[in-house]
Amino acid sequence: MKFSAQEAYGLRCLLALGRHPEGSVTISEIARDEGLTEPYVAKLMSVLRKEGYVTSTRGQAGGYTLERAPQKIRVSDVLEVLGGRLYEPGFCERYSGHEDACTHNDDCSLRPLWQSVQVAIDRVLDGVTLAHLLEGDHSFVAPIQLSAAPPRRTGGGS
């Protein structure tokens, strides 16, 4: 399970804007500061503008600014517009097997797992705003309980 580069870099673009509340930031500045290409930043900013997270201003002093206060921008919402959710309710309807429908549609053993994982992710991400990330407030990070899960196995195993 991975977050996409688009999700990670889209958040980074918003953080770059949040670090400059006094004025707008250009695509070139964001690209330079984040080590991204200008076309990629332009693509991300276009998505974020269409979804109402940033606003753009043309001209000499132009660039991008946050459309809303960082406290009103939930990370879960941003990730959803940049890449979607890990488990969408219609996931099982997009079946790509050899049959017309999944043979486990009525008795799926995996669906409850994916739903539980999505609920856990939502609980964390719904409570985190751009302001938390900008302020370095990591109070949303749950303590890791190493004894709660068996050790991970790596490699090919026998």
C-alpha atoms as a PDB file:
ATOM      1  CA  MET A   1       0.000   0.000   0.000  1.00  0.00           C
ATOM      2  CA  LYS A   2       1.525   3.295  -1.088  1.00  0.00           C
ATOM      3  CA  PHE A   3       0.594   6.916  -1.358  1.00  0.00           C
ATOM      4  CA  SER A   4       1.239   8.273  -4.825  1.00  0.00           C
ATOM      5  CA  ALA A   5       3.859  10.846  -5.729  1.00  0.00           C
ATOM      6  CA  GLN A   6       1.017  13.125  -6.818  1.00  0.00           C
ATOM      7  CA  GLU A   7      -0.482  12.999  -3.328  1.00  0.00           C
ATOM      8  CA  ALA A   8       2.843  13.575  -1.567  1.00  0.00           C
ATOM      9  CA  TYR A   9       4.004  16.382  -3.851  1.00  0.00           C
ATOM     10  CA  GLY A  10       0.573  17.996  -3.924  1.00  0.00           C
ATOM     11  CA  LEU A  11       0.721  18.249  -0.137  1.00  0.00           C
ATOM     12  CA  ARG A  12       4.266  19.601  -0.390  1.00  0.00           C
ATOM     13  CA  CYS A  13       3.052  22.317  -2.781  1.00  0.00           C
ATOM     14  CA  LEU A  14       0.373  23.340  -0.282  1.00  0.00           C
ATOM     15  CA  LEU A  15       2.966  23.395   2.497  1.00  0.00           C
ATOM     16  CA  ALA A  16       5.179  25.623   0.345  1.00  0.00           C
ATOM     17  CA  LEU A  17       2.293  28.090   0.015  1.00  0.00           C
ATOM     18  CA  GLY A  18       1.502  27.842   3.713  1.00  0.00           C
ATOM     19  CA  ARG A  19       5.074  28.828   4.570  1.00  0.00           C
ATOM     20  CA  HIS A  20       4.555  32.121   2.696  1.00  0.00           C
ATOM     21  CA  PRO A  21       1.298  33.549   4.075  1.00  0.00           C
ATOM     22  CA  GLU A  22       2.467  37.097   3.341  1.00  0.00           C
ATOM     23  CA  GLY A  23       2.393  36.739  -0.439  1.00  0.00           C
ATOM     24  CA  SER A  24       2.041  34.551  -3.456  1.00  0.00           C
ATOM     25  CA  VAL A  25       4.501  31.911  -4.585  1.00  0.00           C
ATOM     26  CA  THR A  26       5.300  31.146  -8.204  1.00  0.00           C
ATOM     27  CA  ILE A  27       5.445  27.749  -9.847  1.00  0.00           C
ATOM     28  CA  SER A  28       9.175  28.307 -10.397  1.00  0.00           C
ATOM     29  CA  GLU A  29       9.761  28.961  -6.696  1.00  0.00           C
ATOM     30  CA  ILE A  30       7.791  25.889  -5.627  1.00  0.00           C
ATOM     31  CA  ALA A  31       9.572  23.723  -8.213  1.00  0.00           C
ATOM     32  CA  ARG A  32      12.991  24.961  -7.067  1.00  0.00           C
ATOM     33  CA  ASP A  33      12.230  24.582  -3.339  1.00  0.00           C
ATOM     34  CA  GLU A  34      10.695  21.109  -3.701  1.00  0.00           C
ATOM     35  CA  GLY A  35      13.064  19.758  -6.363  1.00  0.00           C
ATOM     36  CA  LEU A  36      10.261  19.208  -8.883  1.00  0.00           C
ATOM     37  CA  THR A  37       9.851  20.151 -12.513  1.00  0.00           C
ATOM     38  CA  GLU A  38       7.827  23.239 -13.322  1.00  0.00           C
ATOM     39  CA  PRO A  39       5.373  21.317 -15.554  1.00  0.00           C
ATOM     40  CA  TYR A  40       4.683  18.865 -12.719  1.00  0.00           C
ATOM     41  CA  VAL A  41       4.102  21.671 -10.209  1.00  0.00           C
ATOM     42  CA  ALA A  42       1.846  23.402 -12.751  1.00  0.00           C
ATOM     43  CA  LYS A  43      -0.196  20.192 -13.093  1.00  0.00           C
ATOM     44  CA  LEU A  44      -0.540  19.819  -9.321  1.00  0.00           C
ATOM     45  CA  MET A  45      -1.460  23.476  -8.853  1.00  0.00           C
ATOM     46  CA  SER A  46      -4.082  23.191 -11.574  1.00  0.00           C
ATOM     47  CA  VAL A  47      -5.750  20.304  -9.724  1.00  0.00           C
ATOM     48  CA  LEU A  48      -5.538  22.136  -6.394  1.00  0.00           C
ATOM     49  CA  ARG A  49      -6.930  25.343  -7.934  1.00  0.00           C
ATOM     50  CA  LYS A  50      -9.876  23.533  -9.549  1.00  0.00           C
ATOM     51  CA  GLU A  51     -10.677  21.913  -6.203  1.00  0.00           C
ATOM     52  CA  GLY A  52     -10.591  25.239  -4.335  1.00  0.00           C
ATOM     53  CA  TYR A  53      -7.415  24.804  -2.289  1.00  0.00           C
ATOM     54  CA  VAL A  54      -5.364  27.509  -3.999  1.00  0.00           C
ATOM     55  CA  THR A  55      -5.980  30.667  -5.918  1.00  0.00           C
ATOM     56  CA  SER A  56      -3.828  32.095  -8.662  1.00  0.00           C
ATOM     57  CA  THR A  57      -3.023  35.681  -9.528  1.00  0.00           C
ATOM     58  CA  ARG A  58      -1.583  36.769 -12.854  1.00  0.00           C
ATOM     59  CA  GLY A  59       0.948  39.476 -13.448  1.00  0.00           C
ATOM     60  CA  GLN A  60       4.276  40.700 -12.104  1.00  0.00           C
ATOM     61  CA  ALA A  61       3.402  39.977  -8.462  1.00  0.00           C
ATOM     62  CA  GLY A  62       1.385  36.915  -9.416  1.00  0.00           C
ATOM     63  CA  GLY A  63       1.578  33.372  -8.211  1.00  0.00           C
ATOM     64  CA  TYR A  64      -0.391  31.073  -5.956  1.00  0.00           C
ATOM     65  CA  THR A  65      -1.773  31.473  -2.455  1.00  0.00           C
ATOM     66  CA  LEU A  66      -3.858  29.248  -0.231  1.00  0.00           C
ATOM     67  CA  GLU A  67      -7.578  29.740  -0.828  1.00  0.00           C
ATOM     68  CA  ARG A  68      -8.406  28.779   2.764  1.00  0.00           C
ATOM     69  CA  ALA A  69      -6.711  29.040   6.115  1.00  0.00           C
ATOM     70  CA  PRO A  70      -4.375  26.084   6.810  1.00  0.00           C
ATOM     71  CA  GLN A  71      -6.598  25.131   9.786  1.00  0.00           C
ATOM     72  CA  LYS A  72      -9.469  24.520   7.340  1.00  0.00           C
ATOM     73  CA  ILE A  73      -7.556  22.266   4.957  1.00  0.00           C
ATOM     74  CA  ARG A  74      -7.820  18.635   6.024  1.00  0.00           C
ATOM     75  CA  VAL A  75      -5.112  16.315   4.733  1.00  0.00           C
ATOM     76  CA  SER A  76      -7.724  13.623   4.032  1.00  0.00           C
ATOM     77  CA  ASP A  77      -9.592  15.948   1.666  1.00  0.00           C
ATOM     78  CA  VAL A  78      -6.444  16.948  -0.197  1.00  0.00           C
ATOM     79  CA  LEU A  79      -5.329  13.336  -0.645  1.00  0.00           C
ATOM     80  CA  GLU A  80      -8.766  12.407  -1.919  1.00  0.00           C
ATOM     81  CA  VAL A  81      -8.707  15.005  -4.711  1.00  0.00           C
ATOM     82  CA  LEU A  82      -5.119  14.209  -5.642  1.00  0.00           C
ATOM     83  CA  GLY A  83      -5.416  10.447  -5.779  1.00  0.00           C
ATOM     84  CA  GLY A  84      -8.541   9.043  -4.248  1.00  0.00           C
ATOM     85  CA  ARG A  85      -9.037   6.770  -1.315  1.00  0.00           C
ATOM     86  CA  LEU A  86      -7.274   3.478  -0.693  1.00  0.00           C
ATOM     87  CA  TYR A  87     -10.591   1.601  -0.663  1.00  0.00           C
ATOM     88  CA  GLU A  88     -13.543   3.116  -2.500  1.00  0.00           C
ATOM     89  CA  PRO A  89     -17.041   1.737  -1.849  1.00  0.00           C
ATOM     90  CA  GLY A  90     -17.420   0.842  -5.558  1.00  0.00           C
ATOM     91  CA  PHE A  91     -14.122  -1.052  -5.668  1.00  0.00           C
ATOM     92  CA  CYS A  92     -15.776  -4.450  -6.094  1.00  0.00           C
ATOM     93  CA  GLU A  93     -17.896  -3.239  -9.001  1.00  0.00           C
ATOM     94  CA  ARG A  94     -14.728  -2.521 -11.022  1.00  0.00           C
ATOM     95  CA  TYR A  95     -13.931  -6.213 -11.280  1.00  0.00           C
ATOM     96  CA  SER A  96     -11.324  -7.069 -13.903  1.00  0.00           C
ATOM     97  CA  GLY A  97     -11.319 -10.883 -13.828  1.00  0.00           C
ATOM     98  CA  HIS A  98     -12.378 -13.377 -16.483  1.00  0.00           C
ATOM     99  CA  GLU A  99     -15.964 -13.618 -15.240  1.00  0.00           C
ATOM    100  CA  ASP A 100     -18.658 -10.944 -15.439  1.00  0.00           C
ATOM    101  CA  ALA A 101     -18.458 -10.380 -11.680  1.00  0.00           C
ATOM    102  CA  CYS A 102     -16.163 -11.297  -8.825  1.00  0.00           C
ATOM    103  CA  THR A 103     -16.836 -14.842  -7.651  1.00  0.00           C
ATOM    104  CA  HIS A 104     -16.541 -13.592  -4.054  1.00  0.00           C
ATOM    105  CA  ASN A 105     -19.047 -10.773  -4.335  1.00  0.00           C
ATOM    106  CA  ASP A 106     -21.358 -12.244  -1.681  1.00  0.00           C
ATOM    107  CA  ASP A 107     -18.821 -13.868   0.626  1.00  0.00           C
ATOM    108  CA  CYS A 108     -15.706 -11.717   0.326  1.00  0.00           C
ATOM    109  CA  SER A 109     -13.104 -12.281   3.023  1.00  0.00           C
ATOM    110  CA  LEU A 110     -11.025  -9.275   1.963  1.00  0.00           C
ATOM    111  CA  ARG A 111     -13.628  -6.511   1.813  1.00  0.00           C
ATOM    112  CA  PRO A 112     -13.927  -6.197   5.631  1.00  0.00           C
ATOM    113  CA  LEU A 113     -10.131  -5.946   5.856  1.00  0.00           C
ATOM    114  CA  TRP A 114      -9.898  -3.151   3.266  1.00  0.00           C
ATOM    115  CA  GLN A 115     -12.817  -1.324   4.871  1.00  0.00           C
ATOM    116  CA  SER A 116     -11.142  -1.523   8.288  1.00  0.00           C
ATOM    117  CA  VAL A 117      -7.855  -0.235   6.905  1.00  0.00           C
ATOM    118  CA  GLN A 118      -9.681   2.666   5.225  1.00  0.00           C
ATOM    119  CA  VAL A 119     -11.484   3.531   8.475  1.00  0.00           C
ATOM    120  CA  ALA A 120      -8.173   3.590  10.355  1.00  0.00           C
ATOM    121  CA  ILE A 121      -6.572   5.799   7.704  1.00  0.00           C
ATOM    122  CA  ASP A 122      -9.588   8.124   7.728  1.00  0.00           C
ATOM    123  CA  ARG A 123      -9.426   8.462  11.526  1.00  0.00           C
ATOM    124  CA  VAL A 124      -5.863   9.722  11.329  1.00  0.00           C
ATOM    125  CA  LEU A 125      -6.083  11.860   8.193  1.00  0.00           C
ATOM    126  CA  ASP A 126      -9.437  13.478   9.039  1.00  0.00           C
ATOM    127  CA  GLY A 127      -7.883  14.903  12.198  1.00  0.00           C
ATOM    128  CA  VAL A 128      -4.810  16.378  10.511  1.00  0.00           C
ATOM    129  CA  THR A 129      -4.845  19.800   8.898  1.00  0.00           C
ATOM    130  CA  LEU A 130      -2.279  21.664   6.880  1.00  0.00           C
ATOM    131  CA  ALA A 131      -1.776  23.835   9.977  1.00  0.00           C
ATOM    132  CA  HIS A 132      -0.665  20.778  11.991  1.00  0.00           C
ATOM    133  CA  LEU A 133       1.980  20.016   9.390  1.00  0.00           C
ATOM    134  CA  LEU A 134       3.117  23.638   9.087  1.00  0.00           C
ATOM    135  CA  GLU A 135       3.421  24.046  12.856  1.00  0.00           C
ATOM    136  CA  GLY A 136       5.253  20.750  13.315  1.00  0.00           C
ATOM    137  CA  ASP A 137       2.399  19.633  15.598  1.00  0.00           C
ATOM    138  CA  HIS A 138       2.634  15.866  15.444  1.00  0.00           C
ATOM    139  CA  SER A 139       0.152  15.191  18.216  1.00  0.00           C
ATOM    140  CA  PHE A 140      -1.891  13.243  15.657  1.00  0.00           C
ATOM    141  CA  VAL A 141       0.753  10.523  15.495  1.00  0.00           C
ATOM    142  CA  ALA A 142      -0.445   7.496  17.448  1.00  0.00           C
ATOM    143  CA  PRO A 143       2.091   5.817  19.689  1.00  0.00           C
ATOM    144  CA  ILE A 144       3.535   2.724  18.085  1.00  0.00           C
ATOM    145  CA  GLN A 145       2.845  -0.438  19.998  1.00  0.00           C
ATOM    146  CA  LEU A 146       5.429  -2.957  18.902  1.00  0.00           C
ATOM    147  CA  SER A 147       3.957  -5.786  20.947  1.00  0.00           C
ATOM    148  CA  ALA A 148       0.532  -5.447  19.288  1.00  0.00           C
ATOM    149  CA  ALA A 149       1.564  -7.070  16.024  1.00  0.00           C
ATOM    150  CA  PRO A 150       3.726 -10.050  15.141  1.00  0.00           C
ATOM    151  CA  PRO A 151       7.115  -9.188  13.636  1.00  0.00           C
ATOM    152  CA  ARG A 152       7.146  -8.579   9.891  1.00  0.00           C
ATOM    153  CA  ARG A 153       8.818 -11.157   7.749  1.00  0.00           C
ATOM    154  CA  THR A 154      11.017  -9.922   4.972  1.00  0.00           C
ATOM    155  CA  GLY A 155      12.377 -11.659   1.959  1.00  0.00           C
ATOM    156  CA  GLY A 156      11.271 -14.774   0.175  1.00  0.00           C
ATOM    157  CA  GLY A 157      10.736 -17.089   3.147  1.00  0.00           C
ATOM    158  CA  SER A 158      10.790 -20.859   2.878  1.00  0.00           C
END
